C-alpha atoms as a PDB file:
ATOM      1  CA  MET A   1      28.492 -43.200   3.203  1.00  0.00           C
ATOM      2  CA  ARG A   2      29.016 -39.896   4.988  1.00  0.00           C
ATOM      3  CA  LEU A   3      27.233 -39.367   8.313  1.00  0.00           C
ATOM      4  CA  MET A   4      27.207 -36.486  10.777  1.00  0.00           C
ATOM      5  CA  PHE A   5      26.685 -37.076  14.521  1.00  0.00           C
ATOM      6  CA  ALA A   6      25.788 -34.268  16.929  1.00  0.00           C
ATOM      7  CA  SER A   7      24.502 -34.108  20.488  1.00  0.00           C
ATOM      8  CA  ASP A   8      23.261 -31.786  23.186  1.00  0.00           C
ATOM      9  CA  ILE A   9      21.994 -28.693  21.343  1.00  0.00           C
ATOM     10  CA  HIS A  10      19.949 -27.834  24.456  1.00  0.00           C
ATOM     11  CA  GLY A  11      17.762 -25.196  22.776  1.00  0.00           C
ATOM     12  CA  SER A  12      20.606 -22.926  21.626  1.00  0.00           C
ATOM     13  CA  ALA A  13      19.550 -21.248  18.376  1.00  0.00           C
ATOM     14  CA  TYR A  14      23.047 -19.772  18.056  1.00  0.00           C
ATOM     15  CA  TYR A  15      24.831 -23.132  18.160  1.00  0.00           C
ATOM     16  CA  CYS A  16      22.120 -24.943  16.189  1.00  0.00           C
ATOM     17  CA  GLU A  17      22.629 -22.415  13.393  1.00  0.00           C
ATOM     18  CA  LYS A  18      26.400 -23.050  13.548  1.00  0.00           C
ATOM     19  CA  LEU A  19      25.689 -26.794  13.353  1.00  0.00           C
ATOM     20  CA  MET A  20      23.430 -26.279  10.322  1.00  0.00           C
ATOM     21  CA  GLU A  21      26.222 -24.298   8.636  1.00  0.00           C
ATOM     22  CA  CYS A  22      28.594 -27.216   9.278  1.00  0.00           C
ATOM     23  CA  TYR A  23      25.945 -29.594   7.965  1.00  0.00           C
ATOM     24  CA  GLU A  24      25.734 -27.644   4.696  1.00  0.00           C
ATOM     25  CA  LYS A  25      29.539 -27.659   4.330  1.00  0.00           C
ATOM     26  CA  GLU A  26      29.958 -31.340   5.239  1.00  0.00           C
ATOM     27  CA  GLN A  27      27.091 -32.580   3.004  1.00  0.00           C
ATOM     28  CA  PRO A  28      26.404 -35.841   4.878  1.00  0.00           C
ATOM     29  CA  GLU A  29      23.690 -38.251   3.792  1.00  0.00           C
ATOM     30  CA  LYS A  30      22.162 -38.180   7.288  1.00  0.00           C
ATOM     31  CA  LEU A  31      22.399 -36.058  10.430  1.00  0.00           C
ATOM     32  CA  ILE A  32      22.218 -38.298  13.492  1.00  0.00           C
ATOM     33  CA  LEU A  33      21.167 -36.369  16.588  1.00  0.00           C
ATOM     34  CA  LEU A  34      21.988 -37.978  19.924  1.00  0.00           C
ATOM     35  CA  GLY A  35      19.352 -36.233  22.025  1.00  0.00           C
ATOM     36  CA  ASP A  36      18.854 -33.225  24.303  1.00  0.00           C
ATOM     37  CA  LEU A  37      17.669 -30.998  21.476  1.00  0.00           C
ATOM     38  CA  LEU A  38      15.385 -28.358  22.989  1.00  0.00           C
ATOM     39  CA  TYR A  39      15.569 -28.111  26.781  1.00  0.00           C
ATOM     40  CA  HIS A  40      18.695 -27.011  28.667  1.00  0.00           C
ATOM     41  CA  GLY A  41      18.041 -29.254  31.666  1.00  0.00           C
ATOM     42  CA  PRO A  42      18.115 -28.351  35.366  1.00  0.00           C
ATOM     43  CA  ARG A  43      21.877 -28.981  35.740  1.00  0.00           C
ATOM     44  CA  ASN A  44      22.965 -26.653  32.919  1.00  0.00           C
ATOM     45  CA  ASP A  45      22.973 -22.896  32.634  1.00  0.00           C
ATOM     46  CA  LEU A  46      21.007 -21.436  29.738  1.00  0.00           C
ATOM     47  CA  PRO A  47      23.083 -21.810  26.564  1.00  0.00           C
ATOM     48  CA  LYS A  48      23.827 -18.880  24.276  1.00  0.00           C
ATOM     49  CA  ASP A  49      20.683 -17.609  22.482  1.00  0.00           C
ATOM     50  CA  TYR A  50      18.357 -20.075  24.201  1.00  0.00           C
ATOM     51  CA  ASN A  51      15.416 -20.241  21.798  1.00  0.00           C
ATOM     52  CA  PRO A  52      13.863 -23.719  21.471  1.00  0.00           C
ATOM     53  CA  LYS A  53      11.236 -22.511  18.976  1.00  0.00           C
ATOM     54  CA  GLU A  54      13.971 -21.402  16.584  1.00  0.00           C
ATOM     55  CA  VAL A  55      15.802 -24.710  17.056  1.00  0.00           C
ATOM     56  CA  ILE A  56      12.532 -26.506  16.224  1.00  0.00           C
ATOM     57  CA  ARG A  57      12.242 -24.499  12.996  1.00  0.00           C
ATOM     58  CA  MET A  58      15.833 -25.200  11.916  1.00  0.00           C
ATOM     59  CA  LEU A  59      15.656 -28.922  12.657  1.00  0.00           C
ATOM     60  CA  ASN A  60      12.225 -29.396  11.080  1.00  0.00           C
ATOM     61  CA  GLU A  61      13.607 -27.921   7.846  1.00  0.00           C
ATOM     62  CA  LYS A  62      15.935 -30.970   7.719  1.00  0.00           C
ATOM     63  CA  LYS A  63      13.359 -33.523   8.949  1.00  0.00           C
ATOM     64  CA  ASN A  64      13.912 -35.916   6.039  1.00  0.00           C
ATOM     65  CA  GLU A  65      17.668 -35.985   6.643  1.00  0.00           C
ATOM     66  CA  ILE A  66      17.623 -36.511  10.430  1.00  0.00           C
ATOM     67  CA  LEU A  67      17.768 -39.685  12.506  1.00  0.00           C
ATOM     68  CA  CYS A  68      17.432 -39.048  16.231  1.00  0.00           C
ATOM     69  CA  VAL A  69      17.460 -40.731  19.630  1.00  0.00           C
ATOM     70  CA  ARG A  70      15.826 -39.486  22.830  1.00  0.00           C
ATOM     71  CA  GLY A  71      17.971 -37.715  25.377  1.00  0.00           C
ATOM     72  CA  ASN A  72      17.238 -37.414  29.075  1.00  0.00           C
ATOM     73  CA  CYS A  73      15.819 -33.914  28.434  1.00  0.00           C
ATOM     74  CA  GLU A  74      13.342 -35.008  25.720  1.00  0.00           C
ATOM     75  CA  ALA A  75       9.648 -35.348  26.576  1.00  0.00           C
ATOM     76  CA  GLU A  76       6.542 -36.334  24.666  1.00  0.00           C
ATOM     77  CA  VAL A  77       5.749 -32.661  24.143  1.00  0.00           C
ATOM     78  CA  ASP A  78       8.960 -32.364  22.092  1.00  0.00           C
ATOM     79  CA  GLN A  79       7.654 -35.035  19.719  1.00  0.00           C
ATOM     80  CA  MET A  80       4.521 -32.929  19.253  1.00  0.00           C
ATOM     81  CA  VAL A  81       6.561 -30.062  17.752  1.00  0.00           C
ATOM     82  CA  LEU A  82       9.376 -31.926  15.983  1.00  0.00           C
ATOM     83  CA  GLU A  83       8.519 -33.478  12.621  1.00  0.00           C
ATOM     84  CA  PHE A  84      10.951 -36.418  12.929  1.00  0.00           C
ATOM     85  CA  SER A  85      11.079 -39.213  15.475  1.00  0.00           C
ATOM     86  CA  VAL A  86      12.791 -38.247  18.748  1.00  0.00           C
ATOM     87  CA  MET A  87      11.469 -40.834  21.224  1.00  0.00           C
ATOM     88  CA  SER A  88      13.578 -43.932  20.467  1.00  0.00           C
ATOM     89  CA  ASP A  89      16.203 -44.746  23.106  1.00  0.00           C
ATOM     90  CA  SER A  90      18.658 -46.153  20.577  1.00  0.00           C
ATOM     91  CA  LEU A  91      19.408 -46.528  16.913  1.00  0.00           C
ATOM     92  CA  LEU A  92      21.301 -49.399  15.276  1.00  0.00           C
ATOM     93  CA  LEU A  93      23.237 -48.528  12.137  1.00  0.00           C
ATOM     94  CA  TYR A  94      25.030 -50.991   9.924  1.00  0.00           C
ATOM     95  CA  VAL A  95      27.362 -48.960   7.721  1.00  0.00           C
ATOM     96  CA  ASP A  96      30.280 -50.185   5.611  1.00  0.00           C
ATOM     97  CA  GLY A  97      30.311 -53.471   7.538  1.00  0.00           C
ATOM     98  CA  ILE A  98      30.355 -51.680  10.909  1.00  0.00           C
ATOM     99  CA  THR A  99      27.629 -51.983  13.540  1.00  0.00           C
ATOM    100  CA  ILE A 100      27.045 -48.706  15.383  1.00  0.00           C
ATOM    101  CA  PHE A 101      24.852 -48.522  18.477  1.00  0.00           C
ATOM    102  CA  ALA A 102      23.810 -44.849  18.789  1.00  0.00           C
ATOM    103  CA  THR A 103      22.116 -43.592  21.954  1.00  0.00           C
ATOM    104  CA  HIS A 104      22.104 -40.537  24.186  1.00  0.00           C
ATOM    105  CA  GLY A 105      24.185 -42.043  26.976  1.00  0.00           C
ATOM    106  CA  HIS A 106      21.924 -41.824  30.019  1.00  0.00           C
ATOM    107  CA  LEU A 107      20.622 -45.401  29.621  1.00  0.00           C
ATOM    108  CA  PHE A 108      23.505 -47.123  27.806  1.00  0.00           C
ATOM    109  CA  ASN A 109      27.135 -46.035  28.236  1.00  0.00           C
ATOM    110  CA  GLU A 110      30.591 -47.349  29.135  1.00  0.00           C
ATOM    111  CA  GLU A 111      29.409 -48.490  32.572  1.00  0.00           C
ATOM    112  CA  LYS A 112      26.141 -49.995  31.290  1.00  0.00           C
ATOM    113  CA  LEU A 113      26.902 -51.418  27.868  1.00  0.00           C
ATOM    114  CA  PRO A 114      24.236 -52.314  25.351  1.00  0.00           C
ATOM    115  CA  PRO A 115      24.517 -55.759  23.736  1.00  0.00           C
ATOM    116  CA  ILE A 116      27.480 -55.123  21.426  1.00  0.00           C
ATOM    117  CA  SER A 117      30.382 -57.245  20.219  1.00  0.00           C
ATOM    118  CA  ASP A 118      34.072 -56.392  20.356  1.00  0.00           C
ATOM    119  CA  LYS A 119      33.910 -55.167  16.741  1.00  0.00           C
ATOM    120  CA  ASP A 120      30.957 -52.821  17.356  1.00  0.00           C
ATOM    121  CA  ILE A 121      30.921 -49.121  18.170  1.00  0.00           C
ATOM    122  CA  LEU A 122      28.938 -47.344  20.889  1.00  0.00           C
ATOM    123  CA  ILE A 123      28.314 -43.681  20.104  1.00  0.00           C
ATOM    124  CA  HIS A 124      26.617 -41.409  22.602  1.00  0.00           C
ATOM    125  CA  GLY A 125      26.507 -37.819  23.811  1.00  0.00           C
ATOM    126  CA  HIS A 126      25.163 -36.867  27.272  1.00  0.00           C
ATOM    127  CA  THR A 127      28.528 -36.204  28.970  1.00  0.00           C
ATOM    128  CA  HIS A 128      29.318 -33.172  26.764  1.00  0.00           C
ATOM    129  CA  VAL A 129      32.898 -34.522  26.587  1.00  0.00           C
ATOM    130  CA  GLN A 130      34.532 -35.752  23.359  1.00  0.00           C
ATOM    131  CA  ALA A 131      35.866 -39.304  23.458  1.00  0.00           C
ATOM    132  CA  ILE A 132      37.393 -42.010  21.292  1.00  0.00           C
ATOM    133  CA  ARG A 133      38.550 -45.016  23.268  1.00  0.00           C
ATOM    134  CA  LYS A 134      38.607 -48.789  23.378  1.00  0.00           C
ATOM    135  CA  MET A 135      36.279 -50.358  25.907  1.00  0.00           C
ATOM    136  CA  GLU A 136      36.386 -53.852  27.322  1.00  0.00           C
ATOM    137  CA  GLN A 137      33.807 -54.682  24.636  1.00  0.00           C
ATOM    138  CA  GLY A 138      33.943 -52.542  21.470  1.00  0.00           C
ATOM    139  CA  MET A 139      34.808 -48.874  20.920  1.00  0.00           C
ATOM    140  CA  TYR A 140      33.261 -45.792  22.520  1.00  0.00           C
ATOM    141  CA  LEU A 141      32.940 -42.502  20.643  1.00  0.00           C
ATOM    142  CA  ASN A 142      31.355 -39.255  21.801  1.00  0.00           C
ATOM    143  CA  PRO A 143      31.078 -36.183  19.536  1.00  0.00           C
ATOM    144  CA  GLY A 144      30.921 -33.846  22.550  1.00  0.00           C
ATOM    145  CA  SER A 145      28.315 -31.104  22.807  1.00  0.00           C
ATOM    146  CA  VAL A 146      27.122 -28.660  20.188  1.00  0.00           C
ATOM    147  CA  SER A 147      26.192 -25.969  22.735  1.00  0.00           C
ATOM    148  CA  ILE A 148      27.472 -26.709  26.256  1.00  0.00           C
ATOM    149  CA  PRO A 149      30.858 -28.479  26.077  1.00  0.00           C
ATOM    150  CA  LYS A 150      32.468 -29.535  29.348  1.00  0.00           C
ATOM    151  CA  GLU A 151      35.984 -30.249  30.646  1.00  0.00           C
ATOM    152  CA  GLY A 152      37.595 -27.678  28.347  1.00  0.00           C
ATOM    153  CA  ASN A 153      36.206 -29.231  25.149  1.00  0.00           C
ATOM    154  CA  LYS A 154      35.205 -27.121  22.162  1.00  0.00           C
ATOM    155  CA  ASN A 155      31.678 -27.026  20.721  1.00  0.00           C
ATOM    156  CA  SER A 156      31.755 -29.994  18.372  1.00  0.00           C
ATOM    157  CA  TYR A 157      30.231 -32.685  16.156  1.00  0.00           C
ATOM    158  CA  MET A 158      31.509 -35.845  14.463  1.00  0.00           C
ATOM    159  CA  ILE A 159      31.768 -37.008  10.838  1.00  0.00           C
ATOM    160  CA  TYR A 160      31.974 -40.618   9.671  1.00  0.00           C
ATOM    161  CA  GLU A 161      33.157 -41.550   6.181  1.00  0.00           C
ATOM    162  CA  ASN A 162      34.910 -44.622   4.734  1.00  0.00           C
ATOM    163  CA  GLY A 163      35.754 -46.149   8.112  1.00  0.00           C
ATOM    164  CA  THR A 164      37.098 -42.932   9.636  1.00  0.00           C
ATOM    165  CA  PHE A 165      35.547 -40.852  12.416  1.00  0.00           C
ATOM    166  CA  LEU A 166      36.518 -37.190  12.831  1.00  0.00           C
ATOM    167  CA  ILE A 167      35.490 -35.093  15.815  1.00  0.00           C
ATOM    168  CA  LYS A 168      35.457 -31.490  14.618  1.00  0.00           C
ATOM    169  CA  SER A 169      34.916 -28.106  16.209  1.00  0.00           C
ATOM    170  CA  LEU A 170      32.121 -25.928  14.856  1.00  0.00           C
ATOM    171  CA  ASP A 171      34.943 -23.977  13.157  1.00  0.00           C
ATOM    172  CA  GLY A 172      35.872 -27.105  11.150  1.00  0.00           C
ATOM    173  CA  GLU A 173      39.075 -27.934  13.059  1.00  0.00           C
ATOM    174  CA  VAL A 174      39.754 -31.673  13.375  1.00  0.00           C
ATOM    175  CA  ILE A 175      40.084 -32.358  17.104  1.00  0.00           C
ATOM    176  CA  ARG A 176      40.276 -36.161  17.137  1.00  0.00           C
ATOM    177  CA  GLU A 177      40.439 -38.855  14.485  1.00  0.00           C
ATOM    178  CA  TRP A 178      40.032 -42.607  14.517  1.00  0.00           C
ATOM    179  CA  SER A 179      39.961 -45.172  11.734  1.00  0.00           C
ATOM    180  CA  VAL A 180      38.200 -48.498  12.136  1.00  0.00           C
ATOM    181  CA  LYS A 181      41.198 -50.027  10.344  1.00  0.00           C
ATOM    182  CA  ARG A 182      43.536 -48.778  13.094  1.00  0.00           C
ATOM    183  CA  ILE A 183      41.813 -50.393  16.070  1.00  0.00           C
ATOM    184  CA  SER A 184      44.939 -50.269  18.182  1.00  0.00           C
ATOM    185  CA  LYS A 185      45.641 -46.589  17.484  1.00  0.00           C
ATOM    186  CA  VAL A 186      43.316 -44.208  19.287  1.00  0.00           C
ATOM    187  CA  LEU A 187      44.151 -40.493  19.419  1.00  0.00           C
END
């Protein structure tokens, strides 16, 4: 199974369009959005081409291919305009024998772990910083931010296929890679 993870679009039509171009090239079975889709939030500057209505249009076109969790910038009004569920705080995926706990990161994160085992994976956005690292309990992965990357990161997303996770820039460059089979080797 091929999955695409992306987070923190923050209403940028420019970067959402770039993400949709990557989505068409990658051809995943599902696009898993980790929240903060439409609003830029009070701590962030306006992202490039801030246009939530255009982001709504682009995402609604893929409504049957999207799984999504609520970010700290989502509100009930967002659910009124988006044609796929955006109000769940977490999503459990069981793929290729791997349990993935997907969330935005403001409720569950490395400091406040969800109930996961040492073999499970926590994936969240929220920090806008790419990450692949072993935690005390399980692995932590973060695809970074589509529109407002921080700490020198590039605008990015993540692909999962056959036990391997790739964090990629919106230009298609592989930034980080991790295989479930190589638990001890984290790039």
